[in-house]
Amino acid sequence: MTDPDEPELAVGADAFARDGAGLEVAVVGAGAIGATTAYDLACEGADVTLYDKGAIASGASGQAAGVCYDAFADPLDAELGADAIERFRALSGDDTFPFVECPYVWFAREGEPDRADAIRDQIERMQDNGTIALEADADALTDRFPSLRTDDVAVAGIAGAAGYTDPAKYTACLAAAADGAGATLEPHTAVELRTNPSRVVESDGTERAVDAVVVAAGAHTKQLLADAGVPIAMKPYRVQALIASGAVDEPMWYDASDECYLRPHPEGVLAGDGTEHVEADPDEYDREANPEFAADLLERVRHRLPDADLDLERAWAGLCTATPDRDPLVGELRPGLYVATGFHGHGFMRSPAIGARLAETVLGGDGIDAFDPTRFDGDESFEIIDGMTIE
């Protein structure tokens, strides 16, 4: 029965051509993608249980920046970004979660012709693919966004289909909506995986055979699957962010030369970088920001926002996940075993679209060929590359 206090979302998985009635699914990981997948499956009549070893949104989704845009040169990435934004807009509201429309700007500084040319090429490809993106020089950027210092900017891109939200609220909302659609929520419940056939072992030793297991456990996905004898080509890595007080309305921006990003936040601004290019242990990594991180990043942000009076409120570290080719692993990994990981920091912003597509795949639909998790053997050696990059 639907709880009257739970949000009623008008947009479900109604585009699916398949009925999930009678299908029993365990979704492991109650982050944004797991909660969205559970909701969409439950809307189609599947018997869904959503597990998490911690609370809802206690992992990467609760620490994410909440930046959302479709400014990708790759047509598939742009399509997923656009679909996600459309769904963020449709699902958001006073009784669910906020979605604030806000332009997204990315730029390179003077003296870096390779980065500037890369941005120009990106914009041209976006326009060829039908994505709304504009090229701007320093003067045009100043006219549009007077809060930004632009005297050192060589070229910028501006994407209008963009905005930001509260990742934890989105995730909690979708989990509650999944519950309202008939799913069973099992936070604070660690599980182990078994294959052939797919099943889960709950913390009390109860083994549940299911028709499908969806693993969307963020940085813990690799170890969960490894314990079940299924290797994947993914590495968790550590990133850092901060919140500073100060009034800034727009835009969101990414400085490709300084490799840092910023968005408005109810407390001021949220900014981040601090990527560490080494594999992190998801159970043992340092959740505190490095001592020098906040001071260094604030100095760069103050350079870009000279009129903003910014004071540090807090800083933290979280985890992202990498793959050898920078594309995620999404789809069926083994018969009845599905995965969604390896998003290089772009998982939350695409979660409404990825969750819908993953649910459709579980229901028998086609997967996303470019993200096929079986394209790797699982033992590949690779270097971690930043998620936000123009190269």
Protein backbone atom coordinates (compact mmCIF):
# COMPACT_ATOMS: atom_id res chain seq x y z
CA MET A 1 0.00 0.00 0.00
CA THR A 2 1.29 3.47 -0.82
CA ASP A 3 2.17 5.60 2.20
CA PRO A 4 0.31 8.93 1.90
CA ASP A 5 3.45 10.72 3.11
CA GLU A 6 5.58 9.28 0.32
CA PRO A 7 6.06 11.35 -2.86
CA GLU A 8 3.93 10.43 -5.84
CA LEU A 9 6.02 10.68 -8.99
CA ALA A 10 4.21 11.25 -12.22
CA VAL A 11 7.00 9.86 -14.38
CA GLY A 12 7.60 6.14 -14.07
CA ALA A 13 8.86 3.51 -16.47
CA ASP A 14 5.79 3.85 -18.65
CA ALA A 15 7.86 3.74 -21.83
CA PHE A 16 8.73 0.10 -21.17
CA ALA A 17 7.12 -2.38 -23.51
CA ARG A 18 7.53 -5.29 -21.12
CA ASP A 19 5.62 -6.30 -18.02
CA GLY A 20 7.67 -7.09 -14.91
CA ALA A 21 4.85 -8.91 -13.12
CA GLY A 22 6.16 -12.05 -11.47
CA LEU A 23 9.81 -11.01 -11.84
CA GLU A 24 11.75 -11.04 -8.57
CA VAL A 25 14.72 -8.66 -8.50
CA ALA A 26 17.31 -7.79 -5.86
CA VAL A 27 18.91 -4.37 -6.32
CA VAL A 28 22.11 -4.01 -4.30
CA GLY A 29 23.06 -0.40 -3.62
CA ALA A 30 20.60 2.32 -2.59
CA GLY A 31 22.31 5.21 -4.31
CA ALA A 32 20.78 7.28 -7.09
CA ILE A 33 21.08 4.61 -9.80
CA GLY A 34 19.97 1.75 -7.55
CA ALA A 35 16.97 3.67 -6.21
CA THR A 36 15.93 4.78 -9.69
CA THR A 37 16.26 1.26 -11.09
CA ALA A 38 14.24 -0.15 -8.18
CA TYR A 39 11.52 2.45 -8.72
CA ASP A 40 11.25 1.82 -12.44
CA LEU A 41 11.16 -1.95 -11.97
CA ALA A 42 8.53 -1.70 -9.23
CA CYS A 43 6.41 0.53 -11.47
CA GLU A 44 6.39 -2.29 -14.00
CA GLY A 45 5.13 -4.80 -11.45
CA ALA A 46 8.42 -6.48 -10.53
CA ASP A 47 8.88 -7.75 -6.97
CA VAL A 48 11.88 -5.61 -5.99
CA THR A 49 14.02 -5.56 -2.86
CA LEU A 50 16.47 -2.66 -2.54
CA TYR A 51 19.44 -3.46 -0.29
CA ASP A 52 22.20 -1.28 1.08
CA LYS A 53 24.82 -1.98 3.74
CA GLY A 54 24.29 1.57 5.01
CA ALA A 55 21.52 4.13 4.85
CA ILE A 56 19.83 5.37 1.67
CA ALA A 57 22.29 7.63 -0.22
CA SER A 58 25.03 6.93 2.35
CA GLY A 59 27.68 6.40 -0.33
CA ALA A 60 28.75 8.41 -3.36
CA SER A 61 25.24 9.72 -4.10
CA GLY A 62 25.10 11.49 -0.75
CA GLN A 63 28.45 13.16 -1.45
CA ALA A 64 27.94 13.99 -5.13
CA ALA A 65 28.08 17.53 -6.51
CA GLY A 66 24.60 17.42 -8.06
CA VAL A 67 25.71 19.09 -11.31
CA CYS A 68 23.55 18.07 -14.30
CA TYR A 69 24.12 18.88 -18.00
CA ASP A 70 23.98 17.42 -21.48
CA ALA A 71 27.17 19.13 -22.71
CA PHE A 72 28.84 16.04 -24.17
CA ALA A 73 30.34 15.76 -27.63
CA ASP A 74 29.60 12.04 -27.79
CA PRO A 75 26.02 11.53 -29.06
CA LEU A 76 25.20 8.75 -26.58
CA ASP A 77 26.48 10.72 -23.59
CA ALA A 78 24.56 13.77 -24.77
CA GLU A 79 21.37 11.73 -25.19
CA LEU A 80 21.67 10.28 -21.70
CA GLY A 81 22.39 13.71 -20.25
CA ALA A 82 19.38 15.24 -21.99
CA ASP A 83 17.08 12.39 -20.94
CA ALA A 84 18.29 12.68 -17.36
CA ILE A 85 17.69 16.43 -17.23
CA GLU A 86 14.23 16.02 -18.70
CA ARG A 87 13.42 13.49 -16.00
CA PHE A 88 14.97 15.57 -13.21
CA ARG A 89 12.67 18.39 -14.28
CA ALA A 90 9.61 16.17 -14.44
CA LEU A 91 10.17 14.48 -11.08
CA SER A 92 11.27 17.53 -9.11
CA GLY A 93 8.93 19.68 -7.05
CA ASP A 94 8.14 21.07 -3.63
CA ASP A 95 7.19 17.63 -2.33
CA THR A 96 10.05 15.70 -3.94
CA PHE A 97 13.43 17.36 -4.54
CA PRO A 98 14.66 20.63 -6.04
CA PHE A 99 15.99 21.05 -9.55
CA VAL A 100 17.40 24.52 -10.25
CA GLU A 101 17.89 25.54 -13.86
CA CYS A 102 21.38 27.00 -14.24
CA PRO A 103 23.64 27.44 -17.30
CA TYR A 104 26.82 25.39 -17.43
CA VAL A 105 30.04 27.00 -18.69
CA TRP A 106 33.39 25.39 -19.42
CA PHE A 107 36.48 27.26 -20.54
CA ALA A 108 40.23 27.26 -21.16
CA ARG A 109 42.68 30.00 -20.34
CA GLU A 110 44.89 31.96 -22.69
CA GLY A 111 48.25 30.38 -23.44
CA GLU A 112 46.77 26.88 -23.71
CA PRO A 113 45.93 26.50 -27.41
CA ASP A 114 45.46 22.73 -27.22
CA ARG A 115 42.75 23.02 -24.56
CA ALA A 116 41.13 25.92 -26.37
CA ASP A 117 41.05 23.98 -29.64
CA ALA A 118 39.60 20.96 -27.81
CA ILE A 119 36.74 23.10 -26.47
CA ARG A 120 36.03 24.55 -29.90
CA ASP A 121 35.98 21.05 -31.36
CA GLN A 122 33.62 19.86 -28.60
CA ILE A 123 31.20 22.69 -29.26
CA GLU A 124 31.19 22.03 -33.01
CA ARG A 125 30.49 18.34 -32.45
CA MET A 126 27.71 19.13 -29.98
CA GLN A 127 26.07 21.45 -32.46
CA ASP A 128 26.37 18.83 -35.20
CA ASN A 129 24.59 16.36 -32.90
CA GLY A 130 21.80 18.79 -32.06
CA THR A 131 22.97 19.63 -28.54
CA ILE A 132 22.47 23.30 -27.70
CA ALA A 133 25.94 24.71 -27.03
CA LEU A 134 27.36 28.14 -27.79
CA GLU A 135 30.95 29.31 -28.19
CA ALA A 136 31.89 32.51 -26.38
CA ASP A 137 34.99 34.66 -26.03
CA ALA A 138 35.99 36.56 -22.89
CA ASP A 139 33.89 39.64 -23.68
CA ALA A 140 30.75 37.63 -24.44
CA LEU A 141 31.26 35.63 -21.25
CA THR A 142 31.54 38.83 -19.20
CA ASP A 143 28.37 40.24 -20.73
CA ARG A 144 26.44 37.06 -19.95
CA PHE A 145 27.95 36.31 -16.52
CA PRO A 146 29.39 39.46 -14.92
CA SER A 147 30.31 37.62 -11.71
CA LEU A 148 33.02 35.67 -13.56
CA ARG A 149 36.53 36.96 -14.07
CA THR A 150 37.18 36.40 -17.77
CA ASP A 151 40.25 38.47 -18.70
CA ASP A 152 42.36 35.30 -18.89
CA VAL A 153 39.80 33.17 -20.78
CA ALA A 154 40.65 32.14 -24.35
CA VAL A 155 37.39 30.39 -25.23
CA ALA A 156 34.31 29.11 -23.44
CA GLY A 157 31.34 26.90 -24.12
CA ILE A 158 27.88 27.61 -22.74
CA ALA A 159 25.24 24.90 -22.35
CA GLY A 160 21.71 26.00 -21.55
CA ALA A 161 20.25 22.55 -20.78
CA ALA A 162 21.71 22.28 -17.32
CA GLY A 163 20.94 22.64 -13.65
CA TYR A 164 21.71 21.30 -10.20
CA THR A 165 19.95 19.42 -7.46
CA ASP A 166 20.44 17.85 -4.05
CA PRO A 167 21.69 14.28 -4.72
CA ALA A 168 20.73 12.94 -1.30
CA LYS A 169 17.18 14.30 -1.58
CA TYR A 170 16.79 12.90 -5.10
CA THR A 171 17.95 9.48 -3.97
CA ALA A 172 15.76 9.46 -0.86
CA CYS A 173 12.79 10.54 -2.96
CA LEU A 174 13.26 7.77 -5.53
CA ALA A 175 13.73 5.17 -2.81
CA ALA A 176 10.52 6.31 -1.10
CA ALA A 177 8.74 6.26 -4.45
CA ALA A 178 10.01 2.73 -5.06
CA ASP A 179 8.59 1.76 -1.67
CA GLY A 180 5.29 3.38 -2.64
CA ALA A 181 5.29 1.41 -5.90
CA GLY A 182 5.61 -1.86 -3.99
CA ALA A 183 9.36 -2.36 -3.57
CA THR A 184 10.82 -3.51 -0.25
CA LEU A 185 13.57 -1.32 1.20
CA GLU A 186 16.31 -3.00 3.20
CA PRO A 187 18.82 -0.35 4.28
CA HIS A 188 21.52 -1.31 6.80
CA THR A 189 21.45 -4.81 5.35
CA ALA A 190 24.68 -6.15 3.90
CA VAL A 191 24.34 -8.97 1.40
CA GLU A 192 26.64 -11.33 -0.44
CA LEU A 193 26.14 -12.44 -4.02
CA ARG A 194 25.91 -15.89 -5.53
CA THR A 195 25.76 -16.80 -9.21
CA ASN A 196 24.51 -19.69 -11.35
CA PRO A 197 21.73 -19.00 -10.53
CA SER A 198 21.77 -15.41 -9.29
CA ARG A 199 20.85 -15.00 -5.64
CA VAL A 200 21.68 -12.98 -2.56
CA VAL A 201 22.63 -14.05 0.94
CA GLU A 202 21.28 -11.68 3.57
CA SER A 203 23.15 -10.76 6.75
CA ASP A 204 21.28 -13.36 8.82
CA GLY A 205 22.36 -16.10 6.41
CA THR A 206 19.07 -16.27 4.53
CA GLU A 207 19.66 -17.14 0.89
CA ARG A 208 17.18 -15.72 -1.61
CA ALA A 209 16.94 -17.01 -5.14
CA VAL A 210 15.80 -14.25 -7.50
CA ASP A 211 15.31 -13.83 -11.22
CA ALA A 212 17.82 -11.01 -11.40
CA VAL A 213 20.40 -9.23 -9.26
CA VAL A 214 21.31 -5.63 -10.07
CA VAL A 215 24.56 -4.45 -8.47
CA ALA A 216 24.73 -0.65 -8.28
CA ALA A 217 26.84 -0.39 -5.15
CA GLY A 218 29.22 2.32 -6.29
CA ALA A 219 32.80 1.85 -5.18
CA HIS A 220 31.87 -1.39 -3.38
CA THR A 221 30.64 -3.01 -6.59
CA LYS A 222 34.04 -4.42 -7.54
CA GLN A 223 34.57 -6.24 -4.24
CA LEU A 224 30.99 -7.51 -4.06
CA LEU A 225 31.34 -9.08 -7.49
CA ALA A 226 34.87 -10.33 -6.82
CA ASP A 227 33.63 -12.18 -3.72
CA ALA A 228 31.14 -13.92 -6.01
CA GLY A 229 33.92 -14.87 -8.43
CA VAL A 230 33.06 -12.23 -11.03
CA PRO A 231 35.88 -9.77 -11.83
CA ILE A 232 35.24 -6.36 -13.42
CA ALA A 233 37.54 -3.74 -14.91
CA MET A 234 36.79 -0.93 -12.46
CA LYS A 235 38.82 1.04 -9.93
CA PRO A 236 37.48 3.29 -7.16
CA TYR A 237 39.39 6.55 -6.76
CA ARG A 238 39.27 9.42 -4.29
CA VAL A 239 38.01 12.95 -5.07
CA GLN A 240 37.47 16.02 -2.90
CA ALA A 241 34.99 18.88 -2.63
CA LEU A 242 34.07 21.79 -0.41
CA ILE A 243 31.26 24.18 0.39
CA ALA A 244 31.97 27.86 0.96
CA SER A 245 29.58 30.60 2.03
CA GLY A 246 28.98 33.44 -0.41
CA ALA A 247 26.18 34.57 -2.71
CA VAL A 248 26.59 33.28 -6.28
CA ASP A 249 23.55 32.66 -8.50
CA GLU A 250 25.04 31.47 -11.80
CA PRO A 251 26.64 29.95 -13.77
CA MET A 252 27.95 26.51 -12.94
CA TRP A 253 31.43 26.27 -14.43
CA TYR A 254 34.41 24.04 -15.11
CA ASP A 255 37.86 25.58 -15.50
CA ALA A 256 39.63 23.13 -17.80
CA SER A 257 42.97 24.82 -17.19
CA ASP A 258 42.69 24.67 -13.42
CA GLU A 259 40.72 21.40 -13.51
CA CYS A 260 38.16 22.51 -10.94
CA TYR A 261 34.38 22.98 -11.01
CA LEU A 262 31.79 25.02 -9.12
CA ARG A 263 28.05 25.29 -8.77
CA PRO A 264 25.76 27.49 -6.65
CA HIS A 265 24.64 25.87 -3.41
CA PRO A 266 22.03 26.85 -0.81
CA GLU A 267 24.90 27.61 1.59
CA GLY A 268 26.95 29.48 -1.02
CA VAL A 269 28.97 27.50 -3.54
CA LEU A 270 30.07 23.90 -3.96
CA ALA A 271 33.45 23.40 -5.63
CA GLY A 272 35.64 20.40 -6.26
CA ASP A 273 38.67 18.75 -7.77
CA GLY A 274 41.32 16.88 -5.80
CA THR A 275 41.29 13.72 -7.89
CA GLU A 276 43.79 11.09 -6.77
CA HIS A 277 44.94 8.86 -9.60
CA VAL A 278 45.39 5.74 -7.48
CA GLU A 279 42.96 2.98 -6.60
CA ALA A 280 41.24 3.53 -3.26
CA ASP A 281 39.90 1.04 -0.74
CA PRO A 282 36.18 1.82 -0.39
CA ASP A 283 36.20 0.70 3.25
CA GLU A 284 39.45 2.34 4.35
CA TYR A 285 39.83 5.58 2.38
CA ASP A 286 40.24 8.92 4.18
CA ARG A 287 36.88 10.71 4.17
CA GLU A 288 38.44 13.97 5.36
CA ALA A 289 39.78 16.39 2.77
CA ASN A 290 43.54 16.83 2.53
CA PRO A 291 44.77 19.69 4.76
CA GLU A 292 45.96 21.80 1.84
CA PHE A 293 42.99 21.03 -0.43
CA ALA A 294 40.49 23.64 0.74
CA ALA A 295 42.95 26.55 0.91
CA ASP A 296 44.31 25.80 -2.56
CA LEU A 297 40.89 25.37 -4.19
CA LEU A 298 39.43 28.45 -2.50
CA GLU A 299 42.31 30.51 -3.86
CA ARG A 300 41.47 29.37 -7.39
CA VAL A 301 37.76 29.95 -6.92
CA ARG A 302 38.35 33.44 -5.54
CA HIS A 303 40.42 34.20 -8.63
CA ARG A 304 37.44 33.27 -10.81
CA LEU A 305 34.85 35.03 -8.57
CA PRO A 306 36.67 38.16 -7.41
CA ASP A 307 33.59 39.88 -5.99
CA ALA A 308 32.35 36.91 -3.98
CA ASP A 309 33.08 36.89 -0.25
CA LEU A 310 33.84 33.20 0.22
CA ASP A 311 34.52 31.50 3.55
CA LEU A 312 35.05 27.77 3.97
CA GLU A 313 32.16 25.92 5.58
CA ARG A 314 33.34 22.32 5.20
CA ALA A 315 35.32 19.99 2.95
CA TRP A 316 35.25 16.25 2.41
CA ALA A 317 36.43 13.37 0.25
CA GLY A 318 34.38 10.79 -1.62
CA LEU A 319 34.85 8.09 -4.19
CA CYS A 320 34.28 7.85 -7.93
CA THR A 321 34.81 4.80 -10.15
CA ALA A 322 36.92 4.43 -13.30
CA THR A 323 37.10 2.02 -16.24
CA PRO A 324 39.80 1.51 -18.89
CA ASP A 325 37.95 3.46 -21.61
CA ARG A 326 36.12 6.02 -19.41
CA ASP A 327 32.74 4.53 -20.35
CA PRO A 328 30.72 2.89 -17.57
CA LEU A 329 29.81 -0.77 -17.16
CA VAL A 330 26.03 -1.00 -17.50
CA GLY A 331 24.05 -4.11 -18.35
CA GLU A 332 24.05 -7.88 -18.02
CA LEU A 333 27.38 -9.22 -16.79
CA ARG A 334 26.33 -12.85 -16.34
CA PRO A 335 22.94 -14.50 -16.86
CA GLY A 336 20.62 -12.83 -14.38
CA LEU A 337 23.40 -10.59 -13.01
CA TYR A 338 23.42 -6.89 -13.93
CA VAL A 339 25.81 -4.09 -13.04
CA ALA A 340 26.03 -0.29 -13.16
CA THR A 341 29.36 1.27 -12.20
CA GLY A 342 32.42 3.07 -13.56
CA PHE A 343 30.90 6.49 -14.26
CA HIS A 344 33.99 8.67 -13.65
CA GLY A 345 31.98 11.07 -11.51
CA HIS A 346 29.08 11.36 -13.97
CA GLY A 347 26.87 8.68 -12.44
CA PHE A 348 24.52 10.87 -10.45
CA MET A 349 23.87 13.34 -13.26
CA ARG A 350 22.84 10.46 -15.53
CA SER A 351 21.07 8.36 -12.89
CA PRO A 352 17.47 9.06 -14.04
CA ALA A 353 18.36 7.89 -17.57
CA ILE A 354 20.66 5.02 -16.57
CA GLY A 355 18.17 3.69 -14.03
CA ALA A 356 15.40 3.64 -16.64
CA ARG A 357 17.57 1.90 -19.24
CA LEU A 358 18.91 -0.63 -16.77
CA ALA A 359 15.39 -1.48 -15.60
CA GLU A 360 14.34 -1.94 -19.21
CA THR A 361 17.31 -4.26 -19.80
CA VAL A 362 16.35 -6.38 -16.78
CA LEU A 363 12.84 -6.63 -18.23
CA GLY A 364 14.25 -8.08 -21.43
CA GLY A 365 14.98 -4.98 -23.46
CA ASP A 366 18.16 -4.13 -25.30
CA GLY A 367 21.14 -2.93 -23.32
CA ILE A 368 23.49 -0.04 -24.12
CA ASP A 369 26.04 -1.59 -26.47
CA ALA A 370 28.79 0.94 -25.74
CA PHE A 371 28.48 0.26 -22.00
CA ASP A 372 28.31 -3.54 -22.27
CA PRO A 373 30.12 -4.76 -19.13
CA THR A 374 31.33 -7.90 -20.90
CA ARG A 375 33.56 -5.85 -23.24
CA PHE A 376 36.35 -6.34 -20.67
CA ASP A 377 37.68 -9.55 -19.13
CA GLY A 378 37.95 -7.91 -15.73
CA ASP A 379 41.71 -8.24 -15.25
CA GLU A 380 42.74 -5.28 -17.39
CA SER A 381 45.53 -2.97 -16.22
CA PHE A 382 44.75 0.73 -16.71
CA GLU A 383 45.42 4.20 -15.38
CA ILE A 384 42.77 6.32 -13.68
CA ILE A 385 41.81 9.41 -15.68
CA ASP A 386 39.82 12.40 -14.39
CA GLY A 387 36.12 12.28 -15.10
CA MET A 388 35.84 15.98 -15.92
CA THR A 389 38.21 16.54 -18.80
CA ILE A 390 38.10 18.01 -22.28
CA GLU A 391 40.77 15.71 -23.67
